[in-house]
N, C-alpha and C. Protein backbone atom coordinates (compact mmCIF):
# COMPACT_ATOMS: atom_id res chain seq x y z
N UNK A 1 -14.65 162.88 205.89
CA UNK A 1 -13.78 163.58 206.81
C UNK A 1 -14.12 163.13 208.22
N UNK A 2 -13.12 162.72 208.96
CA UNK A 2 -13.34 162.28 210.34
C UNK A 2 -13.50 163.50 211.24
N UNK A 3 -14.01 163.28 212.44
CA UNK A 3 -14.19 164.40 213.35
C UNK A 3 -12.86 165.01 213.76
N UNK A 4 -11.79 164.21 213.80
CA UNK A 4 -10.47 164.74 214.13
C UNK A 4 -9.98 165.68 213.03
N UNK A 5 -10.20 165.29 211.78
CA UNK A 5 -9.83 166.17 210.66
C UNK A 5 -10.66 167.45 210.68
N UNK A 6 -11.94 167.32 211.00
CA UNK A 6 -12.82 168.48 211.07
C UNK A 6 -12.34 169.46 212.14
N UNK A 7 -12.04 168.94 213.32
CA UNK A 7 -11.59 169.78 214.43
C UNK A 7 -10.27 170.47 214.07
N UNK A 8 -9.35 169.73 213.48
CA UNK A 8 -8.07 170.30 213.09
C UNK A 8 -8.25 171.40 212.05
N UNK A 9 -9.09 171.16 211.07
CA UNK A 9 -9.34 172.15 210.02
C UNK A 9 -9.97 173.41 210.60
N UNK A 10 -10.97 173.24 211.44
CA UNK A 10 -11.63 174.40 212.06
C UNK A 10 -10.64 175.18 212.90
N UNK A 11 -9.82 174.48 213.68
CA UNK A 11 -8.84 175.15 214.53
C UNK A 11 -7.87 175.99 213.70
N UNK A 12 -7.35 175.43 212.64
CA UNK A 12 -6.38 176.15 211.79
C UNK A 12 -7.03 177.39 211.19
N UNK A 13 -8.25 177.25 210.69
CA UNK A 13 -8.94 178.40 210.09
C UNK A 13 -9.20 179.48 211.14
N UNK A 14 -9.71 179.10 212.29
CA UNK A 14 -10.00 180.06 213.35
C UNK A 14 -8.71 180.75 213.80
N UNK A 15 -7.66 179.99 214.00
CA UNK A 15 -6.39 180.56 214.44
C UNK A 15 -5.84 181.56 213.42
N UNK A 16 -5.92 181.22 212.15
CA UNK A 16 -5.43 182.13 211.11
C UNK A 16 -6.27 183.40 211.03
N UNK A 17 -7.58 183.28 211.17
CA UNK A 17 -8.44 184.46 211.15
C UNK A 17 -8.12 185.37 212.34
N UNK A 18 -7.95 184.79 213.52
CA UNK A 18 -7.61 185.60 214.69
C UNK A 18 -6.26 186.30 214.51
N UNK A 19 -5.31 185.64 213.89
CA UNK A 19 -4.02 186.28 213.61
C UNK A 19 -4.19 187.42 212.61
N UNK A 20 -5.01 187.22 211.59
CA UNK A 20 -5.23 188.24 210.56
C UNK A 20 -5.86 189.50 211.13
N UNK A 21 -6.75 189.34 212.09
CA UNK A 21 -7.40 190.52 212.66
C UNK A 21 -6.60 191.11 213.83
N UNK A 22 -5.47 190.50 214.15
CA UNK A 22 -4.59 191.03 215.20
C UNK A 22 -5.08 190.77 216.61
N UNK A 23 -5.80 189.69 216.81
CA UNK A 23 -6.33 189.35 218.13
C UNK A 23 -5.21 188.94 219.09
N UNK A 24 -5.27 189.45 220.31
CA UNK A 24 -4.31 189.09 221.36
C UNK A 24 -5.07 188.59 222.58
N UNK A 25 -4.43 187.71 223.37
CA UNK A 25 -5.02 187.23 224.62
C UNK A 25 -5.01 188.35 225.65
N UNK A 26 -6.03 188.35 226.49
CA UNK A 26 -6.10 189.38 227.52
C UNK A 26 -5.24 189.05 228.73
N UNK A 27 -4.90 187.78 228.89
CA UNK A 27 -4.02 187.37 229.98
C UNK A 27 -2.78 186.71 229.40
N UNK A 28 -1.74 186.65 230.18
CA UNK A 28 -0.49 186.07 229.69
C UNK A 28 -0.52 184.56 229.57
N UNK A 29 -1.21 183.89 230.47
CA UNK A 29 -1.21 182.42 230.48
C UNK A 29 -2.63 181.87 230.55
N UNK A 30 -3.37 181.93 229.45
CA UNK A 30 -4.73 181.38 229.49
C UNK A 30 -4.70 179.85 229.55
N UNK A 31 -5.73 179.26 230.14
CA UNK A 31 -5.82 177.80 230.19
C UNK A 31 -6.12 177.23 228.81
N UNK A 32 -6.92 177.96 228.04
CA UNK A 32 -7.24 177.59 226.66
C UNK A 32 -6.99 178.81 225.80
N UNK A 33 -6.49 178.59 224.61
CA UNK A 33 -6.37 179.72 223.69
C UNK A 33 -7.76 180.06 223.17
N UNK A 34 -7.92 181.25 222.68
CA UNK A 34 -9.21 181.65 222.11
C UNK A 34 -9.55 180.77 220.91
N UNK A 35 -8.55 180.38 220.15
CA UNK A 35 -8.77 179.50 219.00
C UNK A 35 -9.33 178.15 219.44
N UNK A 36 -8.80 177.62 220.53
CA UNK A 36 -9.29 176.33 221.04
C UNK A 36 -10.73 176.45 221.52
N UNK A 37 -11.04 177.53 222.20
CA UNK A 37 -12.39 177.72 222.71
C UNK A 37 -13.40 177.88 221.58
N UNK A 38 -13.07 178.69 220.58
CA UNK A 38 -13.96 178.88 219.44
C UNK A 38 -14.14 177.56 218.69
N UNK A 39 -13.06 176.80 218.53
CA UNK A 39 -13.14 175.51 217.85
C UNK A 39 -14.07 174.56 218.60
N UNK A 40 -13.96 174.52 219.90
CA UNK A 40 -14.83 173.68 220.72
C UNK A 40 -16.29 174.05 220.53
N UNK A 41 -16.59 175.34 220.52
CA UNK A 41 -17.97 175.78 220.34
C UNK A 41 -18.50 175.48 218.94
N UNK A 42 -17.66 175.63 217.92
CA UNK A 42 -18.07 175.29 216.56
C UNK A 42 -18.36 173.79 216.46
N UNK A 43 -17.49 172.97 217.03
CA UNK A 43 -17.70 171.52 217.02
C UNK A 43 -19.01 171.17 217.74
N UNK A 44 -19.22 171.76 218.91
CA UNK A 44 -20.44 171.46 219.67
C UNK A 44 -21.68 171.90 218.91
N UNK A 45 -21.62 173.05 218.27
CA UNK A 45 -22.78 173.55 217.52
C UNK A 45 -23.05 172.69 216.30
N UNK A 46 -22.01 172.10 215.74
CA UNK A 46 -22.16 171.30 214.53
C UNK A 46 -22.63 169.88 214.82
N UNK A 47 -22.01 169.22 215.79
CA UNK A 47 -22.26 167.80 216.01
C UNK A 47 -23.03 167.47 217.28
N UNK A 48 -23.09 168.38 218.23
CA UNK A 48 -23.72 168.07 219.51
C UNK A 48 -24.74 169.14 219.84
N UNK A 49 -25.65 169.37 218.93
CA UNK A 49 -26.59 170.48 219.05
C UNK A 49 -27.41 170.41 220.34
N UNK A 50 -27.76 169.24 220.77
CA UNK A 50 -28.55 169.11 221.99
C UNK A 50 -27.73 169.41 223.24
N UNK A 51 -26.42 169.33 223.14
CA UNK A 51 -25.55 169.55 224.29
C UNK A 51 -24.83 170.90 224.23
N UNK A 52 -25.24 171.78 223.34
CA UNK A 52 -24.57 173.06 223.18
C UNK A 52 -24.64 173.89 224.45
N UNK A 53 -25.79 173.92 225.08
CA UNK A 53 -25.96 174.71 226.29
C UNK A 53 -25.02 174.22 227.40
N UNK A 54 -24.87 172.93 227.55
CA UNK A 54 -23.97 172.39 228.59
C UNK A 54 -22.51 172.62 228.21
N UNK A 55 -22.20 172.67 226.92
CA UNK A 55 -20.84 172.95 226.49
C UNK A 55 -20.45 174.37 226.83
N UNK A 56 -21.36 175.30 226.62
CA UNK A 56 -21.08 176.70 226.93
C UNK A 56 -20.93 176.86 228.42
């Protein structure tokens, strides 16, 4: 599985889970969706462990 496939898969799963629990954005026009932010953190924690602190 390539990193692009991994990121896409994680994003879809995170987005579906957030929809299932009824999560809503706190602002009308966020720069990043919550799904995108969570996906970025999962990717960083998985593949860039030494750079996790700078990612956050």
